[in-house]
N, C-alpha and C. Protein backbone atom coordinates (compact mmCIF):
# COMPACT_ATOMS: atom_id res chain seq x y z
N VAL A 1 164.86 -5.45 147.58
CA VAL A 1 163.82 -5.14 146.61
C VAL A 1 163.60 -3.64 146.65
N SER A 2 163.75 -2.99 145.52
CA SER A 2 163.46 -1.55 145.47
C SER A 2 162.17 -1.35 144.69
N GLN A 3 161.43 -0.30 145.02
CA GLN A 3 160.09 -0.16 144.47
C GLN A 3 159.84 1.25 143.95
N THR A 4 159.22 1.36 142.80
CA THR A 4 158.50 2.52 142.35
C THR A 4 157.10 1.99 142.18
N PRO A 5 156.08 2.81 142.16
CA PRO A 5 154.71 2.28 142.28
C PRO A 5 154.43 1.01 141.47
N ASP A 6 154.30 -0.09 142.19
CA ASP A 6 153.94 -1.40 141.65
C ASP A 6 154.98 -2.03 140.72
N ILE A 7 156.08 -1.37 140.47
CA ILE A 7 157.13 -1.91 139.62
C ILE A 7 158.39 -2.07 140.47
N PHE A 8 159.05 -3.23 140.35
CA PHE A 8 160.20 -3.53 141.18
C PHE A 8 161.41 -3.90 140.34
N SER A 9 162.58 -3.63 140.90
CA SER A 9 163.80 -4.25 140.41
C SER A 9 164.36 -5.02 141.60
N PHE A 10 164.97 -6.15 141.34
CA PHE A 10 165.52 -6.99 142.40
C PHE A 10 167.03 -6.84 142.39
N THR A 11 167.54 -6.06 143.33
CA THR A 11 168.96 -5.75 143.43
C THR A 11 169.69 -6.84 144.20
N SER A 12 170.90 -7.15 143.75
CA SER A 12 171.72 -8.16 144.42
C SER A 12 172.10 -7.69 145.81
N GLY A 13 171.99 -8.60 146.78
CA GLY A 13 172.44 -8.30 148.13
C GLY A 13 173.95 -8.34 148.25
N LEU A 14 174.64 -8.91 147.27
CA LEU A 14 176.10 -8.98 147.29
C LEU A 14 176.75 -7.77 146.65
N ASN A 15 176.05 -7.14 145.69
CA ASN A 15 176.57 -5.95 145.03
C ASN A 15 175.37 -5.16 144.52
N SER A 16 175.08 -4.05 145.15
CA SER A 16 173.86 -3.28 144.84
C SER A 16 173.90 -2.62 143.46
N ASN A 17 175.01 -2.72 142.74
CA ASN A 17 175.07 -2.20 141.37
C ASN A 17 174.49 -3.18 140.36
N PHE A 18 174.13 -4.39 140.81
CA PHE A 18 173.62 -5.43 139.92
C PHE A 18 172.21 -5.84 140.33
N CYS A 19 171.43 -6.26 139.33
CA CYS A 19 170.07 -6.69 139.63
C CYS A 19 169.64 -7.81 138.68
N LEU A 20 168.51 -8.42 139.00
CA LEU A 20 167.94 -9.47 138.16
C LEU A 20 167.59 -8.87 136.80
N ASP A 21 167.89 -9.60 135.74
CA ASP A 21 167.79 -9.06 134.38
C ASP A 21 167.37 -10.16 133.42
N ILE A 22 166.61 -9.78 132.40
CA ILE A 22 166.22 -10.68 131.32
C ILE A 22 167.14 -10.37 130.13
N PRO A 23 167.99 -11.32 129.71
CA PRO A 23 168.92 -11.04 128.62
C PRO A 23 168.20 -10.54 127.36
N ALA A 24 168.69 -9.42 126.84
CA ALA A 24 168.16 -8.83 125.61
C ALA A 24 166.65 -8.61 125.66
N ALA A 25 166.10 -8.45 126.87
CA ALA A 25 164.66 -8.24 127.07
C ALA A 25 163.84 -9.34 126.39
N GLY A 26 164.37 -10.56 126.40
CA GLY A 26 163.70 -11.69 125.75
C GLY A 26 162.38 -12.05 126.40
N THR A 27 161.53 -12.67 125.63
CA THR A 27 160.22 -13.10 126.14
C THR A 27 159.93 -14.56 125.87
N ASP A 28 160.87 -15.28 125.27
CA ASP A 28 160.65 -16.70 124.96
C ASP A 28 160.61 -17.53 126.23
N ASN A 29 159.79 -18.58 126.22
CA ASN A 29 159.80 -19.54 127.32
C ASN A 29 161.21 -20.08 127.50
N PHE A 30 161.59 -20.26 128.74
CA PHE A 30 162.89 -20.79 129.16
C PHE A 30 164.05 -19.81 128.92
N THR A 31 163.77 -18.52 128.69
CA THR A 31 164.84 -17.53 128.68
C THR A 31 165.41 -17.47 130.08
N PRO A 32 166.71 -17.79 130.26
CA PRO A 32 167.28 -17.79 131.61
C PRO A 32 167.49 -16.37 132.13
N LEU A 33 167.26 -16.16 133.41
CA LEU A 33 167.54 -14.87 134.02
C LEU A 33 169.00 -14.78 134.42
N GLN A 34 169.47 -13.56 134.60
CA GLN A 34 170.86 -13.31 134.90
C GLN A 34 170.97 -12.10 135.82
N LEU A 35 172.17 -11.88 136.33
CA LEU A 35 172.48 -10.61 136.98
C LEU A 35 173.12 -9.72 135.94
N TYR A 36 172.82 -8.43 136.03
CA TYR A 36 173.42 -7.48 135.10
C TYR A 36 173.49 -6.14 135.81
N GLU A 37 174.45 -5.33 135.41
CA GLU A 37 174.57 -4.01 136.03
C GLU A 37 173.26 -3.25 135.87
N SER A 38 172.80 -2.65 136.95
CA SER A 38 171.52 -1.94 136.95
C SER A 38 171.56 -0.80 135.94
N ASN A 39 170.55 -0.78 135.07
CA ASN A 39 170.47 0.29 134.07
C ASN A 39 169.05 0.83 133.91
N GLY A 40 168.09 0.31 134.68
CA GLY A 40 166.73 0.82 134.65
C GLY A 40 165.91 0.39 133.44
N SER A 41 166.45 -0.50 132.63
CA SER A 41 165.72 -0.92 131.43
C SER A 41 164.52 -1.78 131.81
N GLN A 42 163.60 -1.94 130.88
CA GLN A 42 162.42 -2.78 131.13
C GLN A 42 162.80 -4.22 131.42
N ALA A 43 163.96 -4.66 130.94
CA ALA A 43 164.43 -6.03 131.19
C ALA A 43 164.77 -6.25 132.67
N GLN A 44 164.81 -5.17 133.46
CA GLN A 44 165.14 -5.28 134.88
C GLN A 44 163.96 -4.89 135.77
N LEU A 45 162.78 -4.77 135.16
CA LEU A 45 161.60 -4.35 135.91
C LEU A 45 160.57 -5.47 135.97
N PHE A 46 159.98 -5.63 137.13
CA PHE A 46 159.03 -6.70 137.39
C PHE A 46 157.87 -6.14 138.22
N TRP A 47 156.76 -6.84 138.21
CA TRP A 47 155.65 -6.49 139.11
C TRP A 47 155.14 -7.78 139.73
N LEU A 48 154.47 -7.64 140.83
CA LEU A 48 154.04 -8.79 141.61
C LEU A 48 152.53 -8.95 141.52
N GLU A 49 152.10 -10.18 141.31
CA GLU A 49 150.67 -10.50 141.26
C GLU A 49 150.35 -11.39 142.46
N GLU A 50 149.48 -10.94 143.30
CA GLU A 50 149.09 -11.68 144.50
C GLU A 50 148.18 -12.83 144.08
N THR A 51 148.38 -13.99 144.70
CA THR A 51 147.64 -15.19 144.28
C THR A 51 146.77 -15.79 145.36
N ASP A 52 146.95 -15.37 146.62
CA ASP A 52 146.24 -16.04 147.71
C ASP A 52 145.44 -15.11 148.61
N GLY A 53 145.36 -13.84 148.26
CA GLY A 53 144.60 -12.88 149.07
C GLY A 53 145.34 -12.37 150.30
N THR A 54 146.55 -12.87 150.55
CA THR A 54 147.30 -12.45 151.74
C THR A 54 148.66 -11.86 151.40
N PHE A 55 149.01 -11.80 150.15
CA PHE A 55 150.31 -11.31 149.69
C PHE A 55 151.48 -12.15 150.20
N THR A 56 151.23 -13.42 150.52
CA THR A 56 152.32 -14.30 150.93
C THR A 56 152.75 -15.23 149.80
N ALA A 57 151.93 -15.37 148.77
CA ALA A 57 152.29 -16.17 147.60
C ALA A 57 152.09 -15.28 146.38
N LEU A 58 153.18 -14.91 145.73
CA LEU A 58 153.13 -13.94 144.65
C LEU A 58 153.75 -14.51 143.38
N ARG A 59 153.20 -14.11 142.24
CA ARG A 59 153.84 -14.40 140.96
C ARG A 59 154.70 -13.19 140.61
N ILE A 60 155.87 -13.45 140.03
CA ILE A 60 156.73 -12.36 139.56
C ILE A 60 156.52 -12.25 138.06
N LYS A 61 155.91 -11.16 137.63
CA LYS A 61 155.64 -10.94 136.21
C LYS A 61 156.64 -9.92 135.66
N THR A 62 156.93 -10.03 134.37
CA THR A 62 157.92 -9.15 133.76
C THR A 62 157.26 -7.89 133.21
N LYS A 63 158.00 -6.81 133.22
CA LYS A 63 157.53 -5.57 132.60
C LYS A 63 157.65 -5.67 131.08
N VAL A 64 158.59 -6.48 130.59
CA VAL A 64 158.78 -6.66 129.15
C VAL A 64 157.55 -7.29 128.52
N ASP A 65 156.99 -8.31 129.17
CA ASP A 65 155.82 -9.03 128.67
C ASP A 65 155.01 -9.46 129.88
N GLU A 66 153.94 -8.74 130.17
CA GLU A 66 153.20 -8.96 131.40
C GLU A 66 152.48 -10.31 131.46
N GLY A 67 152.52 -11.10 130.39
CA GLY A 67 151.98 -12.44 130.41
C GLY A 67 153.03 -13.50 130.72
N THR A 68 154.25 -13.05 130.98
CA THR A 68 155.37 -13.95 131.24
C THR A 68 155.81 -13.79 132.68
N CYS A 69 156.16 -14.91 133.31
CA CYS A 69 156.53 -14.90 134.73
C CYS A 69 157.91 -15.50 134.95
N VAL A 70 158.47 -15.20 136.11
CA VAL A 70 159.70 -15.83 136.57
C VAL A 70 159.32 -17.20 137.13
N GLU A 71 160.00 -18.22 136.65
CA GLU A 71 159.75 -19.59 137.09
C GLU A 71 161.07 -20.20 137.53
N GLY A 72 161.00 -21.28 138.27
CA GLY A 72 162.22 -21.95 138.71
C GLY A 72 162.04 -23.46 138.64
N ASP A 73 163.13 -24.16 138.42
CA ASP A 73 163.09 -25.61 138.32
C ASP A 73 164.40 -26.16 138.85
N THR A 74 164.33 -27.23 139.60
CA THR A 74 165.55 -27.81 140.14
C THR A 74 166.25 -28.73 139.15
N ASP A 75 165.65 -28.95 137.99
CA ASP A 75 166.27 -29.80 136.96
C ASP A 75 167.32 -28.99 136.20
N PRO A 76 168.61 -29.30 136.37
CA PRO A 76 169.65 -28.50 135.72
C PRO A 76 169.67 -28.63 134.20
N THR A 77 168.92 -29.56 133.63
CA THR A 77 168.89 -29.69 132.17
C THR A 77 167.93 -28.71 131.53
N VAL A 78 167.13 -27.99 132.34
CA VAL A 78 166.17 -27.04 131.78
C VAL A 78 166.89 -25.96 130.99
N SER A 79 167.94 -25.40 131.53
CA SER A 79 168.75 -24.39 130.85
C SER A 79 170.02 -24.20 131.66
N SER A 80 170.87 -23.28 131.22
CA SER A 80 172.08 -23.02 131.97
C SER A 80 171.78 -22.41 133.33
N SER A 81 170.65 -21.78 133.44
CA SER A 81 170.17 -21.25 134.70
C SER A 81 168.84 -21.93 134.97
N ASN A 82 168.53 -22.26 136.21
CA ASN A 82 167.24 -22.88 136.46
C ASN A 82 166.21 -21.87 136.96
N VAL A 83 166.50 -20.58 136.75
CA VAL A 83 165.52 -19.51 136.96
C VAL A 83 165.32 -18.88 135.59
N PHE A 84 164.09 -18.90 135.11
CA PHE A 84 163.83 -18.55 133.72
C PHE A 84 162.44 -17.96 133.58
N LEU A 85 162.12 -17.52 132.37
CA LEU A 85 160.80 -16.99 132.06
C LEU A 85 159.92 -18.10 131.51
N HIS A 86 158.62 -18.00 131.79
CA HIS A 86 157.67 -18.93 131.18
C HIS A 86 156.28 -18.31 131.25
N ASN A 87 155.46 -18.59 130.23
CA ASN A 87 154.12 -18.01 130.21
C ASN A 87 153.08 -18.85 130.95
N ASP A 88 153.46 -19.99 131.52
CA ASP A 88 152.52 -20.77 132.33
C ASP A 88 152.22 -20.09 133.66
N CYS A 89 153.17 -19.37 134.20
CA CYS A 89 153.02 -18.65 135.47
C CYS A 89 152.50 -19.56 136.57
N LEU A 90 153.17 -20.68 136.78
CA LEU A 90 152.76 -21.65 137.80
C LEU A 90 153.42 -21.39 139.14
N ASP A 91 154.64 -20.88 139.16
CA ASP A 91 155.38 -20.73 140.41
C ASP A 91 154.91 -19.53 141.21
N THR A 92 154.95 -19.69 142.52
CA THR A 92 154.70 -18.56 143.42
C THR A 92 155.93 -18.36 144.28
N TRP A 93 156.09 -17.14 144.74
CA TRP A 93 157.30 -16.72 145.44
C TRP A 93 156.94 -15.97 146.71
N SER A 94 157.80 -16.02 147.69
CA SER A 94 157.66 -15.21 148.89
C SER A 94 158.95 -14.41 149.06
N PHE A 95 158.88 -13.37 149.86
CA PHE A 95 160.00 -12.45 150.00
C PHE A 95 160.23 -12.13 151.46
N ASP A 96 161.48 -11.94 151.82
CA ASP A 96 161.82 -11.28 153.06
C ASP A 96 162.88 -10.25 152.68
N PHE A 97 163.60 -9.74 153.63
CA PHE A 97 164.52 -8.66 153.33
C PHE A 97 165.73 -9.08 152.50
N SER A 98 166.02 -10.38 152.45
CA SER A 98 167.24 -10.78 151.75
C SER A 98 167.05 -11.93 150.78
N GLU A 99 165.87 -12.52 150.69
CA GLU A 99 165.69 -13.70 149.85
C GLU A 99 164.40 -13.65 149.04
N ILE A 100 164.49 -14.23 147.84
CA ILE A 100 163.33 -14.48 147.00
C ILE A 100 163.17 -15.99 146.98
N ARG A 101 162.12 -16.49 147.62
CA ARG A 101 161.94 -17.92 147.83
C ARG A 101 160.86 -18.47 146.91
N ASN A 102 161.21 -19.54 146.17
CA ASN A 102 160.24 -20.26 145.35
C ASN A 102 159.46 -21.16 146.31
N ILE A 103 158.18 -20.91 146.47
CA ILE A 103 157.38 -21.62 147.47
C ILE A 103 157.29 -23.11 147.16
N GLY A 104 157.07 -23.48 145.91
CA GLY A 104 156.93 -24.89 145.56
C GLY A 104 158.20 -25.69 145.75
N GLU A 105 159.34 -25.10 145.43
CA GLU A 105 160.63 -25.79 145.54
C GLU A 105 161.28 -25.55 146.91
N ASN A 106 160.80 -24.51 147.63
CA ASN A 106 161.40 -24.10 148.91
C ASN A 106 162.90 -23.83 148.74
N LEU A 107 163.24 -23.18 147.63
CA LEU A 107 164.61 -22.77 147.33
C LEU A 107 164.60 -21.29 146.97
N CYS A 108 165.78 -20.65 147.03
CA CYS A 108 165.87 -19.21 146.80
C CYS A 108 166.72 -18.89 145.57
N ILE A 109 166.44 -17.74 144.97
CA ILE A 109 167.24 -17.25 143.85
C ILE A 109 168.59 -16.80 144.40
N ALA A 110 169.67 -17.26 143.76
CA ALA A 110 171.01 -16.95 144.27
C ALA A 110 172.04 -16.98 143.14
N VAL A 111 173.21 -16.45 143.44
CA VAL A 111 174.41 -16.65 142.63
C VAL A 111 175.39 -17.42 143.50
N ASP A 112 176.44 -17.94 142.90
CA ASP A 112 177.36 -18.79 143.65
C ASP A 112 178.07 -18.05 144.79
N THR A 113 178.78 -16.98 144.47
CA THR A 113 179.55 -16.23 145.47
C THR A 113 179.63 -14.78 145.04
N GLU A 114 180.18 -13.96 145.90
CA GLU A 114 180.38 -12.56 145.56
C GLU A 114 181.29 -12.42 144.34
N ASP A 115 182.23 -13.37 144.16
CA ASP A 115 183.12 -13.34 143.00
C ASP A 115 182.38 -13.61 141.69
N SER A 116 181.16 -14.14 141.79
CA SER A 116 180.42 -14.45 140.57
C SER A 116 179.43 -13.34 140.19
N ILE A 117 179.64 -12.14 140.72
CA ILE A 117 178.81 -11.00 140.36
C ILE A 117 179.48 -10.29 139.18
N TYR A 118 178.91 -10.44 138.01
CA TYR A 118 179.42 -9.80 136.80
C TYR A 118 178.27 -9.75 135.80
N ASN A 119 178.39 -8.94 134.76
CA ASN A 119 177.33 -8.88 133.75
C ASN A 119 177.12 -10.26 133.15
N SER A 120 175.87 -10.64 133.05
CA SER A 120 175.43 -11.92 132.49
C SER A 120 175.66 -13.11 133.44
N ALA A 121 175.94 -12.86 134.72
CA ALA A 121 176.11 -13.96 135.67
C ALA A 121 174.80 -14.71 135.82
N PRO A 122 174.82 -16.05 135.68
CA PRO A 122 173.58 -16.81 135.82
C PRO A 122 173.09 -16.83 137.27
N VAL A 123 171.78 -16.92 137.43
CA VAL A 123 171.19 -17.08 138.75
C VAL A 123 170.57 -18.47 138.83
N TYR A 124 170.50 -19.01 140.03
CA TYR A 124 170.06 -20.38 140.25
C TYR A 124 169.10 -20.43 141.43
N LEU A 125 168.37 -21.52 141.51
CA LEU A 125 167.66 -21.84 142.74
C LEU A 125 168.62 -22.64 143.60
N GLN A 126 168.83 -22.18 144.81
CA GLN A 126 169.71 -22.86 145.76
C GLN A 126 169.04 -22.87 147.13
N GLU A 127 169.59 -23.66 148.04
CA GLU A 127 169.05 -23.68 149.40
C GLU A 127 169.10 -22.27 149.98
N CYS A 128 168.04 -21.92 150.68
CA CYS A 128 167.96 -20.59 151.29
C CYS A 128 168.87 -20.52 152.51
N ASN A 129 169.29 -19.32 152.84
CA ASN A 129 170.14 -19.11 154.02
C ASN A 129 169.35 -19.29 155.30
């Protein structure tokens, strides 16, 4: 996680040239997130909203539309990626040095392998390391 005051980009641990990205800076519910080459655009910027007073349960809000959050679902029929945007902002997340963990699902944002790092690569909730 790299930081400028209160604004973050989430860089891939497999290839630091790529980060979490919102395709075409979309704001529609169920817009799937992806990896994309880092370019500093608003589609790659997020901020964190603390929900429990201890900074252990955070909402990930988008810079593109601050009323929209990163959400996750284990149902693969939701979209091609099960990490997406939604304005309900129900999910909370925790962080350590290498993982973004969905607290409710107890799963982490991931890509399949290092070979799957490319522009528009889908991200998924998978078992944490």
